[in-house]
Protein backbone atom coordinates (compact mmCIF):
# COMPACT_ATOMS: atom_id res chain seq x y z
CA MET A 1 103.77 117.59 98.58
CA LYS A 2 103.58 115.74 95.25
CA ALA A 3 100.59 113.72 94.15
CA LYS A 4 100.83 110.12 93.07
CA THR A 5 98.59 108.15 90.73
CA GLN A 6 96.93 105.08 92.22
CA THR A 7 95.12 102.40 90.26
CA ASP A 8 91.54 102.06 91.41
CA LEU A 9 89.57 98.94 92.26
CA THR A 10 87.50 99.00 89.10
CA SER A 11 89.96 98.03 86.42
CA GLY A 12 93.61 97.37 87.11
CA GLY A 13 94.44 100.55 85.25
CA THR A 14 91.71 101.95 83.03
CA ILE A 15 90.48 104.52 85.53
CA ARG A 16 93.01 106.53 87.52
CA ARG A 17 92.73 109.22 90.11
CA ASN A 18 95.32 111.49 91.64
CA LEU A 19 95.48 110.86 95.36
CA THR A 20 97.49 112.75 97.95
CA ARG A 21 100.65 110.99 99.09
CA ARG A 22 100.28 109.69 102.64
CA THR A 23 102.92 110.66 105.13
CA ALA A 24 105.18 108.07 106.73
CA VAL A 25 103.53 108.68 110.09
CA ALA A 26 100.06 108.01 108.70
CA SER A 27 101.21 104.77 107.09
CA LEU A 28 102.64 103.57 110.38
CA ALA A 29 99.59 104.57 112.42
CA PRO A 30 96.37 104.42 110.36
CA THR A 31 93.65 106.79 111.48
CA LYS A 32 90.88 105.11 113.43
CA ARG A 33 87.78 105.18 111.25
CA ILE A 34 85.72 102.83 113.41
CA LEU A 35 85.43 103.92 117.01
CA LEU A 36 84.56 101.61 119.91
CA THR A 37 82.95 103.11 123.00
CA ARG A 38 82.18 100.91 125.99
CA ARG A 39 79.10 102.50 127.55
CA SER A 40 79.34 99.77 130.17
CA PRO A 41 80.97 96.33 130.28
CA ALA A 42 77.72 94.91 128.85
CA TYR A 43 76.83 97.62 126.31
CA TRP A 44 79.16 98.78 123.53
CA ARG A 45 78.78 101.33 120.74
CA VAL A 46 80.63 101.10 117.41
CA THR A 47 80.65 104.35 115.46
CA PHE A 48 81.69 104.74 111.83
CA ASN A 49 83.67 107.95 111.43
CA ASN A 50 85.26 108.15 107.98
CA PRO A 51 84.16 111.54 106.62
CA PRO A 52 82.97 112.82 104.30
CA LEU A 53 81.09 109.74 103.00
CA ASN A 54 81.85 106.85 105.40
CA ILE A 55 83.26 104.78 102.53
CA PHE A 56 84.48 101.31 103.53
CA GLY A 57 87.65 99.80 102.09
CA PRO A 58 90.65 97.54 102.67
CA GLU A 59 92.18 99.99 105.14
CA THR A 60 89.06 99.74 107.33
CA ILE A 61 88.81 95.94 107.30
CA PRO A 62 91.42 95.33 110.05
CA GLN A 63 89.70 97.90 112.27
CA LEU A 64 86.32 96.19 111.94
CA ASN A 65 87.91 92.77 112.36
CA GLU A 66 89.46 93.86 115.65
CA ILE A 67 86.03 94.86 116.94
CA ILE A 68 84.29 91.70 115.74
CA THR A 69 86.95 89.61 117.46
CA ALA A 70 86.43 91.55 120.69
CA LEU A 71 82.67 90.97 120.49
CA GLU A 72 83.26 87.23 120.05
CA THR A 73 85.71 86.89 122.94
CA ASP A 74 84.72 89.42 125.62
CA GLU A 75 82.88 87.63 128.39
CA HIS A 76 80.90 90.67 129.58
CA VAL A 77 79.50 92.38 126.47
CA LYS A 78 75.88 91.52 125.72
CA VAL A 79 74.76 94.14 123.17
CA VAL A 80 76.45 96.34 120.58
CA VAL A 81 74.95 99.24 118.63
CA PHE A 82 76.41 100.35 115.29
CA ASP A 83 75.90 104.01 114.39
CA SER A 84 77.61 106.86 112.54
CA ALA A 85 79.29 110.15 113.35
CA VAL A 86 79.10 111.36 109.71
CA PRO A 87 75.95 113.35 108.88
CA GLY A 88 73.99 111.84 106.01
CA PHE A 89 75.91 108.55 105.88
CA PHE A 90 75.59 105.48 108.09
CA LEU A 91 78.08 103.45 106.02
CA THR A 92 78.35 103.50 102.26
CA HIS A 93 79.83 101.47 99.44
CA TYR A 94 83.24 99.87 99.06
CA ASP A 95 86.23 102.00 98.08
CA PHE A 96 86.38 101.87 94.28
CA LEU A 97 89.58 103.94 94.27
CA ALA A 98 91.55 101.37 96.27
CA LYS A 99 93.91 99.06 94.43
CA ILE A 100 92.26 95.71 93.93
CA GLU A 101 95.40 94.00 95.24
CA ASP A 102 94.83 95.69 98.59
CA THR A 103 91.62 93.69 98.86
CA THR A 104 92.54 90.40 97.18
CA SER A 105 95.81 90.09 99.13
CA LEU A 106 94.03 90.01 102.50
CA PRO A 107 93.94 86.49 103.98
CA PRO A 108 90.65 84.68 104.63
CA GLY A 109 89.13 85.02 108.08
CA PRO A 110 88.49 82.33 110.71
CA THR A 111 85.42 81.03 108.84
CA GLY A 112 87.46 80.48 105.68
CA LEU A 113 85.50 83.21 103.91
CA GLN A 114 87.17 86.32 102.50
CA PRO A 115 87.59 89.14 105.06
CA LEU A 116 84.40 91.16 104.52
CA PRO A 117 81.90 88.28 104.31
CA ASP A 118 83.84 86.55 107.08
CA MET A 119 83.36 89.47 109.47
CA LEU A 120 79.68 89.82 108.62
CA VAL A 121 79.04 86.10 109.19
CA ARG A 122 80.89 86.23 112.51
CA LEU A 123 78.91 89.29 113.59
CA SER A 124 75.64 87.47 112.89
CA ARG A 125 76.75 84.47 114.96
CA ALA A 126 78.49 86.30 117.80
CA PRO A 127 76.99 85.60 121.27
CA VAL A 128 76.06 89.28 121.43
CA VAL A 129 72.97 91.17 120.27
CA SER A 130 73.88 93.52 117.40
CA ILE A 131 71.73 96.53 116.51
CA ALA A 132 72.14 98.89 113.54
CA SER A 133 70.89 102.42 114.24
CA ILE A 134 70.58 103.80 110.73
CA ARG A 135 70.59 107.52 110.11
CA GLY A 136 71.76 108.49 106.62
CA ARG A 137 72.78 106.18 103.80
CA ALA A 138 73.36 102.47 104.33
CA THR A 139 74.45 101.64 100.80
CA GLY A 140 76.33 98.57 99.54
CA VAL A 141 78.61 97.53 102.41
CA GLY A 142 76.52 99.66 104.78
CA SER A 143 73.41 97.70 103.90
CA GLU A 144 75.33 94.42 104.14
CA LEU A 145 76.54 95.25 107.64
CA ALA A 146 73.04 96.28 108.69
CA LEU A 147 71.66 93.00 107.31
CA ALA A 148 74.28 91.06 109.28
CA CYS A 149 73.10 92.72 112.50
CA ASP A 150 70.40 91.05 114.55
CA MET A 151 68.13 94.11 114.44
CA ARG A 152 67.89 97.27 112.35
CA PHE A 153 66.16 100.53 113.29
CA ALA A 154 65.99 103.51 110.97
CA SER A 155 65.30 107.22 110.94
CA ARG A 156 62.08 107.72 109.00
CA GLU A 157 63.26 111.00 107.49
CA LYS A 158 67.00 110.44 107.14
CA ALA A 159 67.69 106.73 106.57
CA ILE A 160 68.22 105.42 103.03
CA LEU A 161 69.08 101.79 102.39
CA SER A 162 70.12 100.48 99.01
CA HIS A 163 72.05 98.09 96.85
CA PHE A 164 73.09 100.15 93.84
CA GLU A 165 75.63 97.63 92.55
CA VAL A 166 73.68 95.99 89.71
CA GLY A 167 72.98 99.45 88.30
CA ALA A 168 76.75 99.94 88.15
CA GLY A 169 77.31 96.56 86.47
CA VAL A 170 78.52 94.91 89.68
CA VAL A 171 77.22 91.91 91.64
CA PRO A 172 76.87 92.63 95.39
CA GLY A 173 79.43 90.68 97.41
CA GLY A 174 78.69 90.80 101.14
CA GLY A 175 75.78 88.39 101.42
CA PRO A 176 72.63 90.38 100.54
CA MET A 177 71.35 87.79 98.07
CA ALA A 178 71.43 85.20 100.88
CA ARG A 179 70.00 87.47 103.57
CA LEU A 180 67.42 89.74 101.92
CA PRO A 181 65.00 87.01 100.66
CA ARG A 182 64.86 85.58 104.19
CA LEU A 183 63.80 88.98 105.51
CA MET A 184 61.40 90.31 102.90
CA GLY A 185 60.64 87.50 100.46
CA ARG A 186 61.95 86.81 96.97
CA GLY A 187 60.03 89.44 95.03
CA ARG A 188 60.90 92.37 97.27
CA ALA A 189 64.52 91.22 97.55
CA LEU A 190 64.79 91.20 93.77
CA GLU A 191 63.19 94.64 93.62
CA VAL A 192 65.84 96.00 95.99
CA LEU A 193 68.77 94.25 94.31
CA LEU A 194 67.82 94.56 90.64
CA GLY A 195 65.99 97.88 90.91
CA ALA A 196 69.18 99.29 92.50
CA ASP A 197 67.21 102.26 93.83
CA ASP A 198 67.10 104.11 97.14
CA ILE A 199 64.77 102.71 99.82
CA PRO A 200 63.75 105.34 102.41
CA GLY A 201 63.24 104.46 106.06
CA ASP A 202 59.45 104.15 106.01
CA LEU A 203 59.43 101.88 102.94
CA ALA A 204 62.29 99.84 104.43
CA GLU A 205 60.06 99.18 107.43
CA ARG A 206 57.11 98.08 105.27
CA TYR A 207 59.35 95.73 103.29
CA GLY A 208 60.98 94.18 106.36
CA TYR A 209 64.39 95.62 105.45
CA VAL A 210 64.47 97.11 108.97
CA ASN A 211 62.59 96.17 112.15
CA ARG A 212 61.04 99.61 112.57
CA SER A 213 61.46 103.19 111.44
CA PHE A 214 61.01 106.13 113.80
CA PRO A 215 60.74 109.88 113.48
CA ASP A 216 64.36 111.00 113.52
CA SER A 217 63.95 112.73 116.87
CA GLU A 218 62.85 109.43 118.48
CA LEU A 219 65.39 107.00 116.99
CA ASP A 220 68.22 107.49 119.48
CA ALA A 221 66.02 107.24 122.56
CA PHE A 222 64.41 104.01 121.37
CA VAL A 223 67.70 102.32 120.47
CA GLU A 224 69.30 103.43 123.73
CA SER A 225 66.37 102.11 125.75
CA LEU A 226 66.33 98.74 123.97
CA ALA A 227 70.10 98.29 124.18
CA THR A 228 70.18 99.19 127.86
CA ARG A 229 67.28 96.81 128.56
CA ILE A 230 68.96 93.88 126.80
CA ALA A 231 72.27 94.67 128.50
CA SER A 232 70.56 94.15 131.87
CA PHE A 233 69.64 90.53 131.06
CA ASP A 234 71.66 87.35 131.62
CA LYS A 235 74.27 86.83 128.89
CA ARG A 236 73.87 83.05 128.74
CA ALA A 237 70.12 83.35 128.25
CA ILE A 238 70.70 85.93 125.50
CA SER A 239 73.35 83.93 123.65
CA GLU A 240 71.54 80.60 123.83
CA THR A 241 68.26 82.11 122.64
CA LYS A 242 70.04 83.87 119.78
CA ARG A 243 71.81 80.63 118.81
CA PHE A 244 68.51 78.84 118.23
CA VAL A 245 67.15 81.76 116.20
CA ASP A 246 70.36 81.67 114.14
CA VAL A 247 69.77 78.00 113.30
CA ALA A 248 66.30 78.84 111.99
CA SER A 249 67.15 82.01 110.10
CA LEU A 250 70.80 82.54 109.07
CA PRO A 251 72.03 81.48 105.64
CA PRO A 252 74.78 78.84 105.56
CA ASP A 253 78.29 79.91 104.58
CA TYR A 254 78.13 78.10 101.25
CA GLU A 255 75.42 80.53 100.10
CA ILE A 256 77.50 83.57 101.01
CA ALA A 257 80.97 82.45 99.88
CA PRO A 258 80.41 82.67 96.09
CA GLU A 259 78.95 86.18 96.23
CA TRP A 260 82.32 87.77 97.05
CA ASP A 261 84.16 85.93 94.27
CA VAL A 262 81.54 86.87 91.71
CA CYS A 263 81.54 90.46 92.99
CA LEU A 264 85.28 90.85 92.37
CA ALA A 265 85.01 89.21 88.96
CA SER A 266 82.14 91.51 87.97
CA ILE A 267 84.12 94.63 88.92
CA MET A 268 86.75 93.67 86.32
CA ARG A 269 84.25 93.33 83.48
CA THR A 270 83.97 95.95 80.76
CA ALA A 271 80.34 96.78 81.58
CA ALA A 272 81.21 97.62 85.19
CA GLU A 273 84.31 99.60 84.22
CA LYS A 274 82.23 101.68 81.83
CA ARG A 275 79.39 102.32 84.25
CA ILE A 276 81.62 103.12 87.20
CA ARG A 277 83.60 105.51 85.01
CA MET A 278 80.34 107.24 84.09
CA LEU A 279 79.40 107.47 87.75
CA MET A 280 82.82 108.95 88.56
CA GLU A 281 82.28 111.59 85.90
CA ARG A 282 79.01 112.51 87.57
CA GLY A 283 80.59 112.89 91.01
CA PHE A 284 80.56 109.37 92.48
CA HIS A 285 83.04 108.93 95.35
CA LYS A 286 82.93 112.65 96.16
CA PRO A 287 80.58 114.70 98.36
CA GLY A 288 77.68 115.94 96.29
CA ASP A 289 74.49 115.04 94.50
CA ALA A 290 75.73 111.77 92.95
CA GLU A 291 76.38 110.26 96.37
CA ASN A 292 73.30 111.88 97.92
CA ARG A 293 71.01 110.49 95.19
CA LEU A 294 72.93 107.43 94.07
CA GLY A 295 69.81 105.47 93.18
CA TYR A 296 68.76 108.20 90.74
CA TYR A 297 72.16 108.40 89.10
CA VAL A 298 72.66 104.68 88.50
CA GLY A 299 69.22 104.67 86.89
CA GLN A 300 70.35 107.26 84.35
CA LEU A 301 73.50 105.48 83.15
CA GLY A 302 71.92 103.42 80.38
CA ARG A 303 69.51 106.09 79.14
């Protein structure tokens, strides 16, 4: 089987990687990377399963959109928990090896926003309680999805949240600048976004990045108990209560919309191309130390 060269998201041609040619069968039937399990009509689980790193990209967007649409339209579901089947990774950054056209060619979603911010906004407003159960890295898109959820709970030993993008010369695009200051205040939000470092579970709790952190052995039991409890309540009471909280706490679309445009523009700049190339040389986008300690590595790029 011959290899083909595919232009990556960072440059329109300056960085290239040899990727294995996909078979015709795979192109016709994309592998499910986001798995939906209905524990009951009222309680759903959504599991990210894109080993080895749970990277999110244009191929995964339709799969997530299908689930968000189901959450918006199903009359029985009351609570959904997002978790991961990949050890060490809840959900990580966007796919920097994907062709940029694969992302920019996708049509806007129902809100008028581009697909990723559209889905995150719709998740926040869905008449369903969304819970992120974070074990492993929630980096970039993973953090943005967690922030779009109504609640976030983290493993004290194994959760790491971060926005590394500024360290790579990129502006985050999925709404964290609109959401983080509302959760933790301006100063801490700027520390997370501009420091571009890893935030472990216990510090994430102190900062308000997550609701609570638990010893890893206790995380699953707590989330399961809370989700099951909420699923036993009346859906109309849940959705109406959430709607009023949304009015008081969610950012308007006009704050989120520009982030995605500026994110894509920043990826095309020389500074980002150079820094992402340096990260690639150190093992970014592959299993290993660069992905495991991404905050450390982006901090070394300019030194």
